Amino acid sequence: MLEEIIARLVYNRKRYLYAFLAFVLALLLVTVGVANTVFIVVITTIGYYLGSPGLDKKFTKIKDILTEESKEEKSKRGNK
C-alpha cells in the first residue's frame, strides 16, 4: 500500500507541485494583494536564476577572464 502511494506521488509529482504553487499564489494574493504578490514572484524568479549552476559557471568564467586581464595589465606596468 505504501509503495502504491509513493508510486502515485512520483508519477504525479508535477501535478502536486503545481497545485501547491497555485495554493501559495492564491494565499499571497488574498493576504498581501496583487502588486506585492507580483513583486514577490519577480524577486523569487530572479533569485532562482541567480542560484542556477549555469549562471555560477558564467560568473566564474567572467571572473577568470577579468583576473587574467588584470594580471596582464600589472605585468605591462611592471615592465615600463
N, C-alpha and C. Protein backbone atom coordinates (compact mmCIF):
# COMPACT_ATOMS: atom_id res chain seq x y z
N MET A 1 0.82 -1.18 0.00
CA MET A 1 0.00 0.00 0.00
C MET A 1 0.88 1.26 0.00
N LEU A 2 1.91 1.29 0.82
CA LEU A 2 2.81 2.43 0.86
C LEU A 2 3.53 2.59 -0.48
N GLU A 3 3.89 1.48 -1.09
CA GLU A 3 4.56 1.53 -2.38
C GLU A 3 3.66 2.14 -3.44
N GLU A 4 2.37 1.84 -3.40
CA GLU A 4 1.42 2.41 -4.35
C GLU A 4 1.31 3.93 -4.17
N ILE A 5 1.27 4.36 -2.92
CA ILE A 5 1.16 5.80 -2.63
C ILE A 5 2.40 6.52 -3.13
N ILE A 6 3.56 5.95 -2.86
CA ILE A 6 4.82 6.56 -3.31
C ILE A 6 4.89 6.58 -4.83
N ALA A 7 4.45 5.51 -5.46
CA ALA A 7 4.45 5.45 -6.92
C ALA A 7 3.52 6.51 -7.51
N ARG A 8 2.36 6.72 -6.91
CA ARG A 8 1.44 7.75 -7.39
C ARG A 8 2.03 9.14 -7.19
N LEU A 9 2.69 9.37 -6.05
CA LEU A 9 3.31 10.66 -5.81
C LEU A 9 4.41 10.96 -6.83
N VAL A 10 5.22 9.95 -7.11
CA VAL A 10 6.30 10.14 -8.07
C VAL A 10 5.74 10.35 -9.47
N TYR A 11 4.73 9.58 -9.83
CA TYR A 11 4.16 9.67 -11.17
C TYR A 11 3.47 11.02 -11.38
N ASN A 12 2.82 11.54 -10.37
CA ASN A 12 2.06 12.78 -10.48
C ASN A 12 2.75 13.95 -9.77
N ARG A 13 4.06 13.93 -9.66
CA ARG A 13 4.77 14.95 -8.88
C ARG A 13 4.56 16.35 -9.44
N LYS A 14 4.50 16.51 -10.76
CA LYS A 14 4.29 17.83 -11.33
C LYS A 14 2.90 18.36 -10.98
N ARG A 15 1.93 17.47 -11.00
CA ARG A 15 0.57 17.87 -10.67
C ARG A 15 0.49 18.38 -9.23
N TYR A 16 1.13 17.68 -8.32
CA TYR A 16 1.13 18.10 -6.91
C TYR A 16 1.94 19.38 -6.71
N LEU A 17 3.04 19.49 -7.41
CA LEU A 17 3.87 20.69 -7.29
C LEU A 17 3.11 21.93 -7.76
N TYR A 18 2.47 21.83 -8.92
CA TYR A 18 1.72 22.97 -9.43
C TYR A 18 0.50 23.29 -8.57
N ALA A 19 -0.12 22.29 -8.02
CA ALA A 19 -1.24 22.54 -7.11
C ALA A 19 -0.76 23.29 -5.87
N PHE A 20 0.39 22.89 -5.34
CA PHE A 20 0.95 23.57 -4.17
C PHE A 20 1.33 25.01 -4.51
N LEU A 21 1.96 25.22 -5.66
CA LEU A 21 2.34 26.56 -6.07
C LEU A 21 1.10 27.45 -6.28
N ALA A 22 0.06 26.90 -6.86
CA ALA A 22 -1.18 27.67 -7.05
C ALA A 22 -1.80 28.03 -5.71
N PHE A 23 -1.73 27.12 -4.76
CA PHE A 23 -2.25 27.39 -3.42
C PHE A 23 -1.47 28.53 -2.76
N VAL A 24 -0.16 28.49 -2.84
CA VAL A 24 0.68 29.53 -2.26
C VAL A 24 0.40 30.87 -2.95
N LEU A 25 0.28 30.84 -4.27
CA LEU A 25 -0.02 32.07 -5.00
C LEU A 25 -1.37 32.64 -4.60
N ALA A 26 -2.36 31.79 -4.44
CA ALA A 26 -3.68 32.26 -4.00
C ALA A 26 -3.62 32.86 -2.60
N LEU A 27 -2.87 32.23 -1.71
CA LEU A 27 -2.72 32.80 -0.36
C LEU A 27 -2.04 34.16 -0.40
N LEU A 28 -1.02 34.29 -1.22
CA LEU A 28 -0.34 35.58 -1.34
C LEU A 28 -1.27 36.65 -1.89
N LEU A 29 -2.04 36.30 -2.91
CA LEU A 29 -2.97 37.27 -3.48
C LEU A 29 -4.00 37.74 -2.47
N VAL A 30 -4.49 36.83 -1.66
CA VAL A 30 -5.52 37.18 -0.68
C VAL A 30 -4.92 37.99 0.47
N THR A 31 -3.73 37.63 0.92
CA THR A 31 -3.19 38.27 2.12
C THR A 31 -2.47 39.58 1.84
N VAL A 32 -1.67 39.67 0.78
CA VAL A 32 -0.85 40.87 0.58
C VAL A 32 -1.27 41.70 -0.63
N GLY A 33 -2.11 41.21 -1.49
CA GLY A 33 -2.57 41.97 -2.65
C GLY A 33 -1.82 41.63 -3.92
N VAL A 34 -2.30 42.18 -5.01
CA VAL A 34 -1.77 41.83 -6.33
C VAL A 34 -0.36 42.40 -6.54
N ALA A 35 -0.16 43.68 -6.24
CA ALA A 35 1.13 44.31 -6.51
C ALA A 35 2.25 43.66 -5.69
N ASN A 36 2.00 43.42 -4.43
CA ASN A 36 3.02 42.79 -3.60
C ASN A 36 3.28 41.35 -4.03
N THR A 37 2.24 40.65 -4.46
CA THR A 37 2.42 39.28 -4.93
C THR A 37 3.27 39.24 -6.19
N VAL A 38 3.01 40.16 -7.12
CA VAL A 38 3.82 40.22 -8.34
C VAL A 38 5.27 40.52 -7.99
N PHE A 39 5.50 41.43 -7.06
CA PHE A 39 6.85 41.75 -6.62
C PHE A 39 7.54 40.51 -6.03
N ILE A 40 6.84 39.78 -5.18
CA ILE A 40 7.41 38.57 -4.57
C ILE A 40 7.75 37.54 -5.63
N VAL A 41 6.87 37.36 -6.60
CA VAL A 41 7.11 36.37 -7.67
C VAL A 41 8.31 36.79 -8.52
N VAL A 42 8.42 38.07 -8.84
CA VAL A 42 9.54 38.55 -9.65
C VAL A 42 10.86 38.37 -8.91
N ILE A 43 10.92 38.75 -7.64
CA ILE A 43 12.14 38.61 -6.87
C ILE A 43 12.51 37.14 -6.69
N THR A 44 11.52 36.29 -6.49
CA THR A 44 11.77 34.85 -6.36
C THR A 44 12.33 34.29 -7.66
N THR A 45 11.79 34.72 -8.79
CA THR A 45 12.27 34.25 -10.09
C THR A 45 13.71 34.70 -10.33
N ILE A 46 14.01 35.93 -9.99
CA ILE A 46 15.39 36.43 -10.13
C ILE A 46 16.33 35.62 -9.24
N GLY A 47 15.92 35.34 -8.02
CA GLY A 47 16.74 34.52 -7.13
C GLY A 47 16.96 33.12 -7.65
N TYR A 48 15.91 32.57 -8.26
CA TYR A 48 16.02 31.23 -8.84
C TYR A 48 17.08 31.21 -9.94
N TYR A 49 17.04 32.20 -10.83
CA TYR A 49 18.00 32.23 -11.92
C TYR A 49 19.41 32.58 -11.44
N LEU A 50 19.53 33.41 -10.42
CA LEU A 50 20.86 33.71 -9.89
C LEU A 50 21.47 32.51 -9.18
N GLY A 51 20.66 31.63 -8.67
CA GLY A 51 21.16 30.46 -7.97
C GLY A 51 21.40 29.26 -8.85
N SER A 52 21.14 29.38 -10.15
CA SER A 52 21.29 28.23 -11.03
C SER A 52 22.77 27.93 -11.27
N PRO A 53 23.11 26.67 -11.44
CA PRO A 53 24.53 26.30 -11.64
C PRO A 53 25.11 26.88 -12.93
N GLY A 54 24.30 27.02 -13.96
CA GLY A 54 24.79 27.57 -15.22
C GLY A 54 25.27 29.00 -15.07
N LEU A 55 24.54 29.77 -14.30
CA LEU A 55 24.92 31.16 -14.08
C LEU A 55 26.18 31.25 -13.24
N ASP A 56 26.33 30.33 -12.30
CA ASP A 56 27.53 30.29 -11.47
C ASP A 56 28.76 30.02 -12.33
N LYS A 57 28.62 29.14 -13.30
CA LYS A 57 29.73 28.85 -14.21
C LYS A 57 30.07 30.08 -15.04
N LYS A 58 29.05 30.83 -15.47
CA LYS A 58 29.30 32.03 -16.26
C LYS A 58 30.03 33.08 -15.42
N PHE A 59 29.60 33.25 -14.15
CA PHE A 59 30.27 34.21 -13.27
C PHE A 59 31.72 33.81 -13.05
N THR A 60 31.97 32.53 -12.88
CA THR A 60 33.33 32.04 -12.68
C THR A 60 34.18 32.30 -13.92
N LYS A 61 33.60 32.08 -15.09
CA LYS A 61 34.34 32.31 -16.34
C LYS A 61 34.66 33.80 -16.50
N ILE A 62 33.68 34.66 -16.20
CA ILE A 62 33.91 36.11 -16.28
C ILE A 62 34.99 36.53 -15.29
N LYS A 63 34.93 35.99 -14.08
CA LYS A 63 35.92 36.31 -13.05
C LYS A 63 37.31 35.89 -13.50
N ASP A 64 37.42 34.70 -14.10
CA ASP A 64 38.72 34.22 -14.58
C ASP A 64 39.26 35.12 -15.68
N ILE A 65 38.39 35.54 -16.59
CA ILE A 65 38.82 36.42 -17.68
C ILE A 65 39.31 37.75 -17.12
N LEU A 66 38.56 38.30 -16.18
CA LEU A 66 38.94 39.60 -15.61
C LEU A 66 40.23 39.51 -14.82
N THR A 67 40.44 38.42 -14.09
CA THR A 67 41.69 38.29 -13.33
C THR A 67 42.88 38.11 -14.26
N GLU A 68 42.68 37.41 -15.38
CA GLU A 68 43.77 37.26 -16.35
C GLU A 68 44.14 38.61 -16.94
N GLU A 69 43.12 39.43 -17.28
CA GLU A 69 43.39 40.74 -17.86
C GLU A 69 44.08 41.65 -16.86
N SER A 70 43.68 41.58 -15.60
CA SER A 70 44.32 42.44 -14.61
C SER A 70 45.76 42.00 -14.37
N LYS A 71 46.05 40.71 -14.44
CA LYS A 71 47.43 40.24 -14.29
C LYS A 71 48.28 40.72 -15.45
N GLU A 72 47.71 40.70 -16.67
CA GLU A 72 48.45 41.17 -17.84
C GLU A 72 48.75 42.66 -17.73
N GLU A 73 47.77 43.44 -17.27
CA GLU A 73 47.99 44.88 -17.12
C GLU A 73 49.05 45.17 -16.08
N LYS A 74 49.05 44.43 -14.97
CA LYS A 74 50.06 44.63 -13.93
C LYS A 74 51.44 44.29 -14.45
N SER A 75 51.53 43.23 -15.25
CA SER A 75 52.85 42.85 -15.77
C SER A 75 53.35 43.88 -16.78
N LYS A 76 52.44 44.48 -17.56
CA LYS A 76 52.84 45.51 -18.51
C LYS A 76 53.33 46.76 -17.77
N ARG A 77 52.67 47.10 -16.68
CA ARG A 77 53.08 48.27 -15.89
C ARG A 77 54.44 48.03 -15.22
N GLY A 78 54.68 46.79 -14.84
CA GLY A 78 55.95 46.46 -14.19
C GLY A 78 57.13 46.52 -15.15
N ASN A 79 56.89 46.27 -16.43
CA ASN A 79 57.95 46.28 -17.44
C ASN A 79 58.35 47.69 -17.84
N LYS A 80 57.50 48.66 -17.61
CA LYS A 80 57.80 50.04 -18.06
C LYS A 80 58.70 50.75 -17.13
